């Protein structure tokens, strides 16, 4: 896929054309699915059942999540995943608190269909509710074995962990994988001005504060990732 094929609509979650259903009503970009299936198959040989919690996400869906967090209707957590009272935060501090775990609408890596949140279905009961908590993927947690396997093998299938560790922007997310061949191109193609334009055209919660601080947010939370291994 060439950069010229990455339209602003695709980059900002407004084009579902290349997305295909994978499982559990979750979609991924069609270019990602073969590698995802290969990784699934390889993990299954080790008794690990990789399943999606979240794949492609539209601008509208991300905006709804963002709005709910801004209004305190969905929980907001600190780096150690302790709940925060978002009503105590204002201005840039409020945006920083939310963006620790939730992307700005128009700038979510999930918009590209290249990124996925996963868990190990073989490690828990069918009725287990995945929380996407770091404790689930750490030693003693149900998905620790998956996390260790990904560290060793994900790159073989083109995947990497963009939030492998905290670097002053997004918190560590051991459940979040990116398909490097597509995600790297999308990140390079999504410019600050494209993001500003889509936010001006599609207002979101805390609109004016977001636009006032957009260059800093773009640098800290969008461009600031753990790069794929060479």
Protein backbone atom coordinates (compact mmCIF):
# COMPACT_ATOMS: atom_id res chain seq x y z
CA UNK A 1 0.00 0.00 0.00
CA UNK A 2 1.40 3.38 -1.01
CA UNK A 3 1.05 6.53 1.07
CA UNK A 4 -0.99 8.07 -1.73
CA UNK A 5 -3.68 5.46 -1.07
CA UNK A 6 -4.11 6.57 2.54
CA UNK A 7 -6.92 9.11 2.30
CA UNK A 8 -7.67 11.58 5.11
CA UNK A 9 -11.02 9.79 5.57
CA UNK A 10 -9.26 6.48 6.22
CA UNK A 11 -6.68 8.03 8.53
CA UNK A 12 -9.33 9.72 10.68
CA UNK A 13 -11.81 6.87 11.01
CA UNK A 14 -14.35 7.97 8.43
CA UNK A 15 -13.77 5.28 5.79
CA UNK A 16 -14.72 1.69 6.59
CA UNK A 17 -14.28 0.56 2.98
CA UNK A 18 -11.10 -1.53 3.47
CA UNK A 19 -12.34 -3.08 6.73
CA UNK A 20 -13.53 -6.68 6.95
CA UNK A 21 -15.24 -8.63 9.71
CA UNK A 22 -12.86 -10.87 11.64
CA UNK A 23 -14.66 -12.11 14.78
CA UNK A 24 -17.11 -11.02 17.47
CA UNK A 25 -18.33 -8.07 15.33
CA UNK A 26 -14.76 -6.75 15.21
CA UNK A 27 -13.19 -5.57 11.96
CA UNK A 28 -9.62 -5.10 10.74
CA UNK A 29 -8.12 -3.64 7.58
CA UNK A 30 -8.09 -6.28 4.89
CA UNK A 31 -4.30 -5.97 4.60
CA UNK A 32 -3.89 -6.99 8.26
CA UNK A 33 -6.10 -10.07 8.41
CA UNK A 34 -3.74 -12.65 6.82
CA UNK A 35 -0.95 -11.78 9.28
CA UNK A 36 -3.41 -11.78 12.18
CA UNK A 37 -4.62 -15.27 11.21
CA UNK A 38 -1.06 -16.54 10.95
CA UNK A 39 -0.23 -15.16 14.39
CA UNK A 40 -3.42 -16.68 15.80
CA UNK A 41 -2.54 -20.07 14.35
CA UNK A 42 1.03 -19.99 15.69
CA UNK A 43 -0.15 -19.00 19.18
CA UNK A 44 -2.79 -21.74 19.13
CA UNK A 45 0.00 -24.32 18.75
CA UNK A 46 1.13 -23.17 22.21
CA UNK A 47 -2.36 -23.29 23.71
CA UNK A 48 -2.94 -19.53 23.42
CA UNK A 49 -6.23 -18.47 21.82
CA UNK A 50 -5.74 -14.91 20.57
CA UNK A 51 -9.04 -13.04 20.27
CA UNK A 52 -9.96 -9.42 19.60
CA UNK A 53 -11.32 -7.09 22.23
CA UNK A 54 -11.24 -4.19 19.79
CA UNK A 55 -10.20 -3.73 16.17
CA UNK A 56 -11.22 -0.97 13.77
CA UNK A 57 -13.01 1.94 15.41
CA UNK A 58 -14.82 4.76 13.60
CA UNK A 59 -14.46 8.47 14.34
CA UNK A 60 -18.03 8.46 15.66
CA UNK A 61 -17.33 5.59 18.06
CA UNK A 62 -14.14 7.21 19.34
CA UNK A 63 -15.97 10.52 19.76
CA UNK A 64 -18.67 8.80 21.83
CA UNK A 65 -16.05 7.24 24.12
CA UNK A 66 -14.28 10.60 24.40
CA UNK A 67 -17.49 12.43 25.27
CA UNK A 68 -18.44 9.87 27.93
CA UNK A 69 -15.03 10.21 29.58
CA UNK A 70 -15.13 14.00 29.45
CA UNK A 71 -18.53 13.92 31.15
CA UNK A 72 -17.54 11.32 33.77
CA UNK A 73 -19.84 8.63 32.38
CA UNK A 74 -16.94 6.28 31.67
CA UNK A 75 -14.03 5.72 34.07
CA UNK A 76 -10.73 7.54 33.65
CA UNK A 77 -7.56 6.07 35.15
CA UNK A 78 -4.08 7.22 36.07
CA UNK A 79 -0.89 5.44 34.97
CA UNK A 80 -1.33 2.83 37.68
CA UNK A 81 -4.95 2.35 36.62
CA UNK A 82 -6.39 3.93 39.72
CA UNK A 83 -9.69 5.73 39.02
CA UNK A 84 -9.65 9.52 38.76
CA UNK A 85 -12.44 12.00 39.40
CA UNK A 86 -12.37 13.71 36.02
CA UNK A 87 -14.67 16.48 37.27
CA UNK A 88 -11.70 17.71 39.34
CA UNK A 89 -9.66 18.34 36.18
CA UNK A 90 -9.86 21.24 33.76
CA UNK A 91 -8.14 22.48 30.61
CA UNK A 92 -5.01 20.70 29.41
CA UNK A 93 -4.83 18.59 32.59
CA UNK A 94 -8.22 17.09 31.78
CA UNK A 95 -7.18 16.21 28.24
CA UNK A 96 -3.93 14.66 29.47
CA UNK A 97 -5.79 12.51 32.00
CA UNK A 98 -8.17 11.15 29.37
CA UNK A 99 -5.56 10.67 26.64
CA UNK A 100 -3.43 8.52 28.91
CA UNK A 101 -5.65 5.59 27.82
CA UNK A 102 -8.13 7.02 25.29
CA UNK A 103 -7.15 8.50 21.95
CA UNK A 104 -8.35 11.78 20.58
CA UNK A 105 -11.12 11.24 18.00
CA UNK A 106 -9.56 11.45 14.56
CA UNK A 107 -6.18 10.33 15.91
CA UNK A 108 -6.87 6.83 17.22
CA UNK A 109 -4.63 4.15 15.76
CA UNK A 110 -7.75 1.98 15.72
CA UNK A 111 -9.11 4.23 12.93
CA UNK A 112 -6.60 2.64 10.56
CA UNK A 113 -7.70 -0.96 11.05
CA UNK A 114 -4.03 -1.74 11.72
CA UNK A 115 -4.29 -1.80 15.51
CA UNK A 116 -5.96 -4.29 17.79
CA UNK A 117 -6.50 -4.99 21.47
CA UNK A 118 -6.25 -8.70 22.21
CA UNK A 119 -6.58 -11.27 24.99
CA UNK A 120 -6.15 -15.03 25.45
CA UNK A 121 -9.55 -16.72 25.40
CA UNK A 122 -7.98 -20.04 26.46
CA UNK A 123 -6.84 -18.54 29.78
CA UNK A 124 -10.27 -17.51 31.07
CA UNK A 125 -13.87 -18.73 31.18
CA UNK A 126 -16.29 -17.86 28.39
CA UNK A 127 -18.08 -15.34 30.59
CA UNK A 128 -14.91 -13.53 31.67
CA UNK A 129 -15.13 -9.77 31.14
CA UNK A 130 -11.81 -8.48 29.83
CA UNK A 131 -10.90 -5.24 31.58
CA UNK A 132 -7.71 -4.33 29.68
CA UNK A 133 -5.93 -3.81 32.97
CA UNK A 134 -2.16 -4.08 33.21
CA UNK A 135 -2.58 -6.57 36.06
CA UNK A 136 -4.26 -9.00 33.63
CA UNK A 137 -1.11 -9.07 31.47
CA UNK A 138 1.47 -9.02 34.28
CA UNK A 139 2.92 -11.95 36.24
CA UNK A 140 0.06 -13.71 37.99
CA UNK A 141 -2.55 -12.36 35.58
CA UNK A 142 -4.53 -14.56 33.18
CA UNK A 143 -2.90 -13.09 30.07
CA UNK A 144 0.70 -13.03 31.25
CA UNK A 145 1.59 -16.02 29.07
CA UNK A 146 0.12 -14.23 26.05
CA UNK A 147 2.12 -11.11 26.88
CA UNK A 148 5.35 -13.13 27.09
CA UNK A 149 4.58 -14.90 23.81
CA UNK A 150 3.92 -11.60 22.03
CA UNK A 151 7.23 -10.18 23.25
CA UNK A 152 9.03 -13.11 21.65
CA UNK A 153 6.98 -13.73 18.51
CA UNK A 154 4.72 -10.81 17.47
CA UNK A 155 7.40 -9.27 15.24
CA UNK A 156 7.58 -12.47 13.18
CA UNK A 157 4.08 -11.66 11.91
CA UNK A 158 4.62 -7.94 11.43
CA UNK A 159 3.17 -6.76 14.75
CA UNK A 160 4.69 -4.60 17.48
CA UNK A 161 3.56 -2.96 20.73
CA UNK A 162 3.43 0.83 20.21
CA UNK A 163 2.78 1.38 23.91
CA UNK A 164 5.23 -1.19 25.25
CA UNK A 165 6.23 1.26 27.99
CA UNK A 166 5.25 4.71 29.20
CA UNK A 167 7.16 7.50 27.44
CA UNK A 168 5.33 10.54 28.76
CA UNK A 169 2.26 10.16 26.54
CA UNK A 170 0.03 7.10 26.37
CA UNK A 171 0.32 4.66 29.27
CA UNK A 172 1.79 1.18 28.81
CA UNK A 173 -0.74 -1.07 27.05
CA UNK A 174 0.47 -4.68 26.81
CA UNK A 175 -2.75 -5.64 25.02
CA UNK A 176 -2.35 -3.19 22.09
CA UNK A 177 -0.72 -4.44 18.88
CA UNK A 178 0.03 -2.56 15.66
CA UNK A 179 0.57 -4.13 12.26
CA UNK A 180 3.78 -2.35 11.34
CA UNK A 181 3.57 -2.37 7.51
CA UNK A 182 0.29 -0.44 7.58
CA UNK A 183 0.45 1.43 10.90
CA UNK A 184 3.81 3.06 10.22
CA UNK A 185 2.55 4.42 6.90
CA UNK A 186 -0.64 5.69 8.48
CA UNK A 187 1.21 7.45 11.27
CA UNK A 188 3.51 9.19 8.80
CA UNK A 189 0.54 10.23 6.66
CA UNK A 190 -1.61 11.66 9.48
CA UNK A 191 -0.47 15.26 9.71
CA UNK A 192 -1.25 17.83 12.35
CA UNK A 193 -3.16 19.90 9.81
CA UNK A 194 -5.30 16.94 8.71
CA UNK A 195 -6.20 16.29 12.32
CA UNK A 196 -6.98 19.95 12.97
CA UNK A 197 -9.25 20.06 9.91
CA UNK A 198 -11.29 16.98 10.86
CA UNK A 199 -11.76 18.29 14.40
CA UNK A 200 -12.92 21.66 13.08
CA UNK A 201 -15.39 19.91 10.80
CA UNK A 202 -16.62 17.43 13.42
CA UNK A 203 -16.83 19.09 16.86
CA UNK A 204 -16.06 16.96 19.92
CA UNK A 205 -16.22 17.48 23.68
CA UNK A 206 -13.66 20.03 24.95
CA UNK A 207 -13.30 21.22 21.34
CA UNK A 208 -11.70 24.60 21.97
CA UNK A 209 -9.24 23.30 24.54
CA UNK A 210 -8.23 20.47 22.22
CA UNK A 211 -7.60 22.84 19.31
CA UNK A 212 -5.68 25.27 21.51
CA UNK A 213 -3.28 22.53 22.62
CA UNK A 214 -3.35 20.35 19.50
CA UNK A 215 0.35 20.67 18.53
CA UNK A 216 1.44 19.51 21.99
CA UNK A 217 -1.15 16.71 22.09
CA UNK A 218 -0.08 15.58 18.62
CA UNK A 219 3.56 15.42 19.68
CA UNK A 220 3.05 13.72 23.05
CA UNK A 221 0.19 11.32 22.43
CA UNK A 222 0.12 10.61 18.68
CA UNK A 223 3.71 10.69 17.42
CA UNK A 224 5.24 9.49 20.69
CA UNK A 225 5.23 5.68 20.44
CA UNK A 226 7.62 2.80 21.09
CA UNK A 227 8.94 2.15 17.60
CA UNK A 228 8.83 -1.28 15.98
CA UNK A 229 12.01 -3.35 16.36
CA UNK A 230 14.43 -2.96 13.44
